[in-house]
Amino acid sequence: MKKEYDFSKGKRGAVIKTRGKTRITIHLDNDVIDAFRAKGEKAGRGYQTLINDALRQHLTTAGKPVDTKSLRRILREELGKT
């Protein structure tokens, strides 16, 4: 081992480049996490991946007008609750 190291060309920050993902801290309700964990176990996937997929799906469909297929599905679901 050297007695002294030269850090003049060193860079601060992560050593490993990210893969297009960012680590965050988020607070979710326990029942939401439990539901995603159960869904993940059943599907054989990680619950965080399922949460990410649900958020991505919401972003792609949010703000779009409801199409005929979706409207019929919603009406069947709502009318079936009576």
PDB file of N, CA and C in Angstrom:
ATOM      1  N   MET A   1       0.838  -1.168   0.000  1.00  0.00           N
ATOM      2  CA  MET A   1       0.000   0.000   0.000  1.00  0.00           C
ATOM      3  C   MET A   1       0.887   1.236   0.000  1.00  0.00           C
ATOM      4  N   LYS A   2       0.497   2.227  -0.774  1.00  0.00           N
ATOM      5  CA  LYS A   2       1.264   3.462  -0.827  1.00  0.00           C
ATOM      6  C   LYS A   2       1.069   4.265   0.447  1.00  0.00           C
ATOM      7  N   LYS A   3       2.062   5.078   0.764  1.00  0.00           N
ATOM      8  CA  LYS A   3       1.915   5.971   1.926  1.00  0.00           C
ATOM      9  C   LYS A   3       0.987   7.123   1.595  1.00  0.00           C
ATOM     10  N   GLU A   4       0.983   7.537   0.320  1.00  0.00           N
ATOM     11  CA  GLU A   4       0.170   8.673  -0.078  1.00  0.00           C
ATOM     12  C   GLU A   4      -0.481   8.387  -1.430  1.00  0.00           C
ATOM     13  N   TYR A   5      -1.723   8.797  -1.597  1.00  0.00           N
ATOM     14  CA  TYR A   5      -2.447   8.598  -2.851  1.00  0.00           C
ATOM     15  C   TYR A   5      -2.765   9.952  -3.455  1.00  0.00           C
ATOM     16  N   ASP A   6      -2.821  10.004  -4.789  1.00  0.00           N
ATOM     17  CA  ASP A   6      -3.119  11.246  -5.503  1.00  0.00           C
ATOM     18  C   ASP A   6      -4.593  11.240  -5.905  1.00  0.00           C
ATOM     19  N   PHE A   7      -5.381  12.094  -5.277  1.00  0.00           N
ATOM     20  CA  PHE A   7      -6.808  12.204  -5.576  1.00  0.00           C
ATOM     21  C   PHE A   7      -7.116  13.452  -6.396  1.00  0.00           C
ATOM     22  N   SER A   8      -6.096  14.069  -6.993  1.00  0.00           N
ATOM     23  CA  SER A   8      -6.304  15.318  -7.735  1.00  0.00           C
ATOM     24  C   SER A   8      -7.216  15.126  -8.949  1.00  0.00           C
ATOM     25  N   LYS A   9      -7.274  13.929  -9.500  1.00  0.00           N
ATOM     26  CA  LYS A   9      -8.128  13.663 -10.660  1.00  0.00           C
ATOM     27  C   LYS A   9      -9.371  12.861 -10.267  1.00  0.00           C
ATOM     28  N   GLY A  10      -9.593  12.760  -8.977  1.00  0.00           N
ATOM     29  CA  GLY A  10     -10.761  12.020  -8.495  1.00  0.00           C
ATOM     30  C   GLY A  10     -12.045  12.785  -8.732  1.00  0.00           C
ATOM     31  N   LYS A  11     -13.139  12.060  -8.849  1.00  0.00           N
ATOM     32  CA  LYS A  11     -14.457  12.660  -9.052  1.00  0.00           C
ATOM     33  C   LYS A  11     -15.377  12.250  -7.924  1.00  0.00           C
ATOM     34  N   ARG A  12     -16.209  13.181  -7.510  1.00  0.00           N
ATOM     35  CA  ARG A  12     -17.210  12.875  -6.489  1.00  0.00           C
ATOM     36  C   ARG A  12     -18.429  12.256  -7.145  1.00  0.00           C
ATOM     37  N   GLY A  13     -19.161  11.500  -6.370  1.00  0.00           N
ATOM     38  CA  GLY A  13     -20.416  10.949  -6.874  1.00  0.00           C
ATOM     39  C   GLY A  13     -20.392   9.441  -6.909  1.00  0.00           C
ATOM     40  N   ALA A  14     -21.427   8.913  -7.509  1.00  0.00           N
ATOM     41  CA  ALA A  14     -21.600   7.470  -7.569  1.00  0.00           C
ATOM     42  C   ALA A  14     -20.500   6.826  -8.409  1.00  0.00           C
ATOM     43  N   VAL A  15     -20.010   5.717  -7.951  1.00  0.00           N
ATOM     44  CA  VAL A  15     -18.978   4.986  -8.676  1.00  0.00           C
ATOM     45  C   VAL A  15     -19.617   4.202  -9.814  1.00  0.00           C
ATOM     46  N   ILE A  16     -20.783   3.651  -9.544  1.00  0.00           N
ATOM     47  CA  ILE A  16     -21.499   2.850 -10.532  1.00  0.00           C
ATOM     48  C   ILE A  16     -22.566   3.726 -11.184  1.00  0.00           C
ATOM     49  N   LYS A  17     -22.608   3.721 -12.506  1.00  0.00           N
ATOM     50  CA  LYS A  17     -23.615   4.513 -13.210  1.00  0.00           C
ATOM     51  C   LYS A  17     -24.995   3.903 -13.003  1.00  0.00           C
ATOM     52  N   THR A  18     -26.001   4.761 -12.945  1.00  0.00           N
ATOM     53  CA  THR A  18     -27.370   4.292 -12.755  1.00  0.00           C
ATOM     54  C   THR A  18     -27.920   3.725 -14.059  1.00  0.00           C
ATOM     55  N   ARG A  19     -28.938   2.906 -13.933  1.00  0.00           N
ATOM     56  CA  ARG A  19     -29.566   2.266 -15.089  1.00  0.00           C
ATOM     57  C   ARG A  19     -30.873   2.953 -15.447  1.00  0.00           C
ATOM     58  N   GLY A  20     -30.939   4.248 -15.288  1.00  0.00           N
ATOM     59  CA  GLY A  20     -32.159   4.960 -15.617  1.00  0.00           C
ATOM     60  C   GLY A  20     -33.167   4.946 -14.484  1.00  0.00           C
ATOM     61  N   LYS A  21     -32.706   4.622 -13.295  1.00  0.00           N
ATOM     62  CA  LYS A  21     -33.587   4.592 -12.136  1.00  0.00           C
ATOM     63  C   LYS A  21     -32.976   5.440 -11.035  1.00  0.00           C
ATOM     64  N   THR A  22     -33.831   5.980 -10.192  1.00  0.00           N
ATOM     65  CA  THR A  22     -33.390   6.807  -9.079  1.00  0.00           C
ATOM     66  C   THR A  22     -33.952   6.250  -7.789  1.00  0.00           C
ATOM     67  N   ARG A  23     -33.099   6.127  -6.798  1.00  0.00           N
ATOM     68  CA  ARG A  23     -33.540   5.655  -5.484  1.00  0.00           C
ATOM     69  C   ARG A  23     -34.218   6.820  -4.766  1.00  0.00           C
ATOM     70  N   ILE A  24     -35.439   6.578  -4.265  1.00  0.00           N
ATOM     71  CA  ILE A  24     -36.163   7.597  -3.512  1.00  0.00           C
ATOM     72  C   ILE A  24     -36.742   6.974  -2.249  1.00  0.00           C
ATOM     73  N   THR A  25     -37.181   7.821  -1.356  1.00  0.00           N
ATOM     74  CA  THR A  25     -37.925   7.372  -0.188  1.00  0.00           C
ATOM     75  C   THR A  25     -39.346   7.883  -0.365  1.00  0.00           C
ATOM     76  N   ILE A  26     -40.307   6.987  -0.211  1.00  0.00           N
ATOM     77  CA  ILE A  26     -41.712   7.360  -0.399  1.00  0.00           C
ATOM     78  C   ILE A  26     -42.538   6.678   0.687  1.00  0.00           C
ATOM     79  N   HIS A  27     -43.532   7.365   1.174  1.00  0.00           N
ATOM     80  CA  HIS A  27     -44.416   6.801   2.196  1.00  0.00           C
ATOM     81  C   HIS A  27     -45.728   6.390   1.533  1.00  0.00           C
ATOM     82  N   LEU A  28     -46.035   5.105   1.622  1.00  0.00           N
ATOM     83  CA  LEU A  28     -47.280   4.557   1.076  1.00  0.00           C
ATOM     84  C   LEU A  28     -48.058   3.916   2.212  1.00  0.00           C
ATOM     85  N   ASP A  29     -49.360   3.847   2.050  1.00  0.00           N
ATOM     86  CA  ASP A  29     -50.203   3.189   3.052  1.00  0.00           C
ATOM     87  C   ASP A  29     -49.852   1.708   3.125  1.00  0.00           C
ATOM     88  N   ASN A  30     -49.941   1.153   4.320  1.00  0.00           N
ATOM     89  CA  ASN A  30     -49.590  -0.256   4.530  1.00  0.00           C
ATOM     90  C   ASN A  30     -50.439  -1.193   3.683  1.00  0.00           C
ATOM     91  N   ASP A  31     -51.732  -0.874   3.550  1.00  0.00           N
ATOM     92  CA  ASP A  31     -52.599  -1.759   2.769  1.00  0.00           C
ATOM     93  C   ASP A  31     -52.211  -1.761   1.293  1.00  0.00           C
ATOM     94  N   VAL A  32     -51.714  -0.637   0.796  1.00  0.00           N
ATOM     95  CA  VAL A  32     -51.272  -0.573  -0.599  1.00  0.00           C
ATOM     96  C   VAL A  32     -50.028  -1.442  -0.788  1.00  0.00           C
ATOM     97  N   ILE A  33     -49.078  -1.313   0.120  1.00  0.00           N
ATOM     98  CA  ILE A  33     -47.857  -2.115   0.030  1.00  0.00           C
ATOM     99  C   ILE A  33     -48.178  -3.596   0.164  1.00  0.00           C
ATOM    100  N   ASP A  34     -49.043  -3.944   1.118  1.00  0.00           N
ATOM    101  CA  ASP A  34     -49.423  -5.347   1.307  1.00  0.00           C
ATOM    102  C   ASP A  34     -50.066  -5.921   0.050  1.00  0.00           C
ATOM    103  N   ALA A  35     -50.928  -5.126  -0.588  1.00  0.00           N
ATOM    104  CA  ALA A  35     -51.598  -5.597  -1.799  1.00  0.00           C
ATOM    105  C   ALA A  35     -50.590  -5.832  -2.919  1.00  0.00           C
ATOM    106  N   PHE A  36     -49.636  -4.911  -3.073  1.00  0.00           N
ATOM    107  CA  PHE A  36     -48.628  -5.080  -4.124  1.00  0.00           C
ATOM    108  C   PHE A  36     -47.683  -6.238  -3.811  1.00  0.00           C
ATOM    109  N   ARG A  37     -47.370  -6.433  -2.534  1.00  0.00           N
ATOM    110  CA  ARG A  37     -46.510  -7.566  -2.171  1.00  0.00           C
ATOM    111  C   ARG A  37     -47.204  -8.886  -2.491  1.00  0.00           C
ATOM    112  N   ALA A  38     -48.494  -8.985  -2.145  1.00  0.00           N
ATOM    113  CA  ALA A  38     -49.252 -10.206  -2.435  1.00  0.00           C
ATOM    114  C   ALA A  38     -49.345 -10.446  -3.941  1.00  0.00           C
ATOM    115  N   LYS A  39     -49.597  -9.371  -4.670  1.00  0.00           N
ATOM    116  CA  LYS A  39     -49.681  -9.462  -6.122  1.00  0.00           C
ATOM    117  C   LYS A  39     -48.333  -9.890  -6.713  1.00  0.00           C
ATOM    118  N   GLY A  40     -47.253  -9.354  -6.152  1.00  0.00           N
ATOM    119  CA  GLY A  40     -45.915  -9.691  -6.617  1.00  0.00           C
ATOM    120  C   GLY A  40     -45.560 -11.145  -6.366  1.00  0.00           C
ATOM    121  N   GLU A  41     -45.924 -11.644  -5.178  1.00  0.00           N
ATOM    122  CA  GLU A  41     -45.663 -13.044  -4.861  1.00  0.00           C
ATOM    123  C   GLU A  41     -46.430 -13.967  -5.797  1.00  0.00           C
ATOM    124  N   LYS A  42     -47.663 -13.590  -6.078  1.00  0.00           N
ATOM    125  CA  LYS A  42     -48.497 -14.408  -6.963  1.00  0.00           C
ATOM    126  C   LYS A  42     -47.952 -14.401  -8.393  1.00  0.00           C
ATOM    127  N   ALA A  43     -47.458 -13.237  -8.832  1.00  0.00           N
ATOM    128  CA  ALA A  43     -46.953 -13.106 -10.207  1.00  0.00           C
ATOM    129  C   ALA A  43     -45.490 -13.505 -10.334  1.00  0.00           C
ATOM    130  N   GLY A  44     -44.810 -13.663  -9.194  1.00  0.00           N
ATOM    131  CA  GLY A  44     -43.391 -14.004  -9.242  1.00  0.00           C
ATOM    132  C   GLY A  44     -42.512 -12.830  -9.629  1.00  0.00           C
ATOM    133  N   ARG A  45     -42.961 -11.627  -9.306  1.00  0.00           N
ATOM    134  CA  ARG A  45     -42.205 -10.408  -9.612  1.00  0.00           C
ATOM    135  C   ARG A  45     -42.082  -9.590  -8.341  1.00  0.00           C
ATOM    136  N   GLY A  46     -41.181  -8.646  -8.344  1.00  0.00           N
ATOM    137  CA  GLY A  46     -40.995  -7.780  -7.190  1.00  0.00           C
ATOM    138  C   GLY A  46     -42.126  -6.771  -7.061  1.00  0.00           C
ATOM    139  N   TYR A  47     -42.509  -6.470  -5.827  1.00  0.00           N
ATOM    140  CA  TYR A  47     -43.619  -5.547  -5.627  1.00  0.00           C
ATOM    141  C   TYR A  47     -43.259  -4.129  -6.058  1.00  0.00           C
ATOM    142  N   GLN A  48     -41.984  -3.750  -5.949  1.00  0.00           N
ATOM    143  CA  GLN A  48     -41.582  -2.417  -6.383  1.00  0.00           C
ATOM    144  C   GLN A  48     -41.704  -2.278  -7.899  1.00  0.00           C
ATOM    145  N   THR A  49     -41.420  -3.350  -8.617  1.00  0.00           N
ATOM    146  CA  THR A  49     -41.586  -3.351 -10.069  1.00  0.00           C
ATOM    147  C   THR A  49     -43.053  -3.184 -10.424  1.00  0.00           C
ATOM    148  N   LEU A  50     -43.928  -3.835  -9.681  1.00  0.00           N
ATOM    149  CA  LEU A  50     -45.363  -3.714  -9.944  1.00  0.00           C
ATOM    150  C   LEU A  50     -45.855  -2.292  -9.655  1.00  0.00           C
ATOM    151  N   ILE A  51     -45.346  -1.682  -8.591  1.00  0.00           N
ATOM    152  CA  ILE A  51     -45.718  -0.297  -8.286  1.00  0.00           C
ATOM    153  C   ILE A  51     -45.240   0.611  -9.416  1.00  0.00           C
ATOM    154  N   ASN A  52     -44.011   0.399  -9.886  1.00  0.00           N
ATOM    155  CA  ASN A  52     -43.474   1.193 -10.994  1.00  0.00           C
ATOM    156  C   ASN A  52     -44.332   1.028 -12.243  1.00  0.00           C
ATOM    157  N   ASP A  53     -44.737  -0.217 -12.542  1.00  0.00           N
ATOM    158  CA  ASP A  53     -45.582  -0.478 -13.708  1.00  0.00           C
ATOM    159  C   ASP A  53     -46.928   0.225 -13.585  1.00  0.00           C
ATOM    160  N   ALA A  54     -47.512   0.209 -12.372  1.00  0.00           N
ATOM    161  CA  ALA A  54     -48.804   0.864 -12.162  1.00  0.00           C
ATOM    162  C   ALA A  54     -48.683   2.380 -12.348  1.00  0.00           C
ATOM    163  N   LEU A  55     -47.603   2.953 -11.834  1.00  0.00           N
ATOM    164  CA  LEU A  55     -47.390   4.393 -12.010  1.00  0.00           C
ATOM    165  C   LEU A  55     -47.172   4.739 -13.477  1.00  0.00           C
ATOM    166  N   ARG A  56     -46.395   3.916 -14.169  1.00  0.00           N
ATOM    167  CA  ARG A  56     -46.147   4.155 -15.601  1.00  0.00           C
ATOM    168  C   ARG A  56     -47.447   4.062 -16.399  1.00  0.00           C
ATOM    169  N   GLN A  57     -48.279   3.068 -16.081  1.00  0.00           N
ATOM    170  CA  GLN A  57     -49.560   2.915 -16.787  1.00  0.00           C
ATOM    171  C   GLN A  57     -50.450   4.123 -16.536  1.00  0.00           C
ATOM    172  N   HIS A  58     -50.457   4.614 -15.310  1.00  0.00           N
ATOM    173  CA  HIS A  58     -51.264   5.791 -14.992  1.00  0.00           C
ATOM    174  C   HIS A  58     -50.784   7.004 -15.795  1.00  0.00           C
ATOM    175  N   LEU A  59     -49.476   7.168 -15.899  1.00  0.00           N
ATOM    176  CA  LEU A  59     -48.939   8.307 -16.644  1.00  0.00           C
ATOM    177  C   LEU A  59     -49.294   8.249 -18.119  1.00  0.00           C
ATOM    178  N   THR A  60     -49.356   7.048 -18.683  1.00  0.00           N
ATOM    179  CA  THR A  60     -49.663   6.932 -20.110  1.00  0.00           C
ATOM    180  C   THR A  60     -51.153   7.096 -20.393  1.00  0.00           C
ATOM    181  N   THR A  61     -51.994   6.820 -19.413  1.00  0.00           N
ATOM    182  CA  THR A  61     -53.441   6.917 -19.650  1.00  0.00           C
ATOM    183  C   THR A  61     -54.066   8.168 -19.037  1.00  0.00           C
ATOM    184  N   ALA A  62     -53.361   8.828 -18.138  1.00  0.00           N
ATOM    185  CA  ALA A  62     -53.911  10.023 -17.473  1.00  0.00           C
ATOM    186  C   ALA A  62     -54.075  11.152 -18.482  1.00  0.00           C
ATOM    187  N   GLY A  63     -55.218  11.785 -18.447  1.00  0.00           N
ATOM    188  CA  GLY A  63     -55.470  12.920 -19.326  1.00  0.00           C
ATOM    189  C   GLY A  63     -56.002  12.545 -20.696  1.00  0.00           C
ATOM    190  N   LYS A  64     -56.020  11.253 -21.017  1.00  0.00           N
ATOM    191  CA  LYS A  64     -56.549  10.824 -22.302  1.00  0.00           C
ATOM    192  C   LYS A  64     -58.065  10.655 -22.184  1.00  0.00           C
ATOM    193  N   PRO A  65     -58.785  10.955 -23.253  1.00  0.00           N
ATOM    194  CA  PRO A  65     -60.234  10.721 -23.202  1.00  0.00           C
ATOM    195  C   PRO A  65     -60.532   9.224 -23.088  1.00  0.00           C
ATOM    196  N   VAL A  66     -61.638   8.905 -22.466  1.00  0.00           N
ATOM    197  CA  VAL A  66     -62.034   7.503 -22.285  1.00  0.00           C
ATOM    198  C   VAL A  66     -62.523   6.959 -23.615  1.00  0.00           C
ATOM    199  N   ASP A  67     -61.982   5.815 -24.027  1.00  0.00           N
ATOM    200  CA  ASP A  67     -62.419   5.207 -25.277  1.00  0.00           C
ATOM    201  C   ASP A  67     -63.651   4.338 -25.031  1.00  0.00           C
ATOM    202  N   THR A  68     -64.258   3.879 -26.084  1.00  0.00           N
ATOM    203  CA  THR A  68     -65.496   3.099 -26.000  1.00  0.00           C
ATOM    204  C   THR A  68     -65.309   1.822 -25.196  1.00  0.00           C
ATOM    205  N   LYS A  69     -64.211   1.130 -25.435  1.00  0.00           N
ATOM    206  CA  LYS A  69     -63.953  -0.134 -24.737  1.00  0.00           C
ATOM    207  C   LYS A  69     -63.865   0.087 -23.229  1.00  0.00           C
ATOM    208  N   SER A  70     -63.131   1.122 -22.815  1.00  0.00           N
ATOM    209  CA  SER A  70     -62.992   1.414 -21.386  1.00  0.00           C
ATOM    210  C   SER A  70     -64.316   1.853 -20.780  1.00  0.00           C
ATOM    211  N   LEU A  71     -65.056   2.673 -21.503  1.00  0.00           N
ATOM    212  CA  LEU A  71     -66.347   3.142 -21.003  1.00  0.00           C
ATOM    213  C   LEU A  71     -67.301   1.977 -20.784  1.00  0.00           C
ATOM    214  N   ARG A  72     -67.341   1.033 -21.720  1.00  0.00           N
ATOM    215  CA  ARG A  72     -68.211  -0.136 -21.552  1.00  0.00           C
ATOM    216  C   ARG A  72     -67.789  -0.973 -20.349  1.00  0.00           C
ATOM    217  N   ARG A  73     -66.465  -1.160 -20.155  1.00  0.00           N
ATOM    218  CA  ARG A  73     -65.967  -1.920 -19.014  1.00  0.00           C
ATOM    219  C   ARG A  73     -66.363  -1.239 -17.706  1.00  0.00           C
ATOM    220  N   ILE A  74     -66.206   0.065 -17.638  1.00  0.00           N
ATOM    221  CA  ILE A  74     -66.553   0.822 -16.431  1.00  0.00           C
ATOM    222  C   ILE A  74     -68.042   0.713 -16.147  1.00  0.00           C
ATOM    223  N   LEU A  75     -68.865   0.859 -17.173  1.00  0.00           N
ATOM    224  CA  LEU A  75     -70.313   0.764 -16.981  1.00  0.00           C
ATOM    225  C   LEU A  75     -70.717  -0.628 -16.516  1.00  0.00           C
ATOM    226  N   ARG A  76     -70.114  -1.680 -17.092  1.00  0.00           N
ATOM    227  CA  ARG A  76     -70.430  -3.045 -16.647  1.00  0.00           C
ATOM    228  C   ARG A  76     -70.060  -3.231 -15.180  1.00  0.00           C
ATOM    229  N   GLU A  77     -68.882  -2.713 -14.798  1.00  0.00           N
ATOM    230  CA  GLU A  77     -68.452  -2.838 -13.404  1.00  0.00           C
ATOM    231  C   GLU A  77     -69.389  -2.097 -12.455  1.00  0.00           C
ATOM    232  N   GLU A  78     -69.757  -0.885 -12.825  1.00  0.00           N
ATOM    233  CA  GLU A  78     -70.610  -0.062 -11.962  1.00  0.00           C
ATOM    234  C   GLU A  78     -72.041  -0.601 -11.899  1.00  0.00           C
ATOM    235  N   LEU A  79     -72.575  -1.033 -13.022  1.00  0.00           N
ATOM    236  CA  LEU A  79     -73.942  -1.547 -13.042  1.00  0.00           C
ATOM    237  C   LEU A  79     -74.028  -2.897 -12.346  1.00  0.00           C
ATOM    238  N   GLY A  80     -72.953  -3.642 -12.348  1.00  0.00           N
ATOM    239  CA  GLY A  80     -72.929  -4.955 -11.703  1.00  0.00           C
ATOM    240  C   GLY A  80     -72.892  -4.867 -10.181  1.00  0.00           C
ATOM    241  N   LYS A  81     -72.603  -3.678  -9.632  1.00  0.00           N
ATOM    242  CA  LYS A  81     -72.503  -3.499  -8.175  1.00  0.00           C
ATOM    243  C   LYS A  81     -73.849  -3.327  -7.499  1.00  0.00           C
ATOM    244  N   THR A  82     -74.916  -3.179  -8.249  1.00  0.00           N
ATOM    245  CA  THR A  82     -76.226  -2.910  -7.641  1.00  0.00           C
ATOM    246  C   THR A  82     -76.789  -4.061  -6.874  1.00  0.00           C
TER     247      THR A  82
END
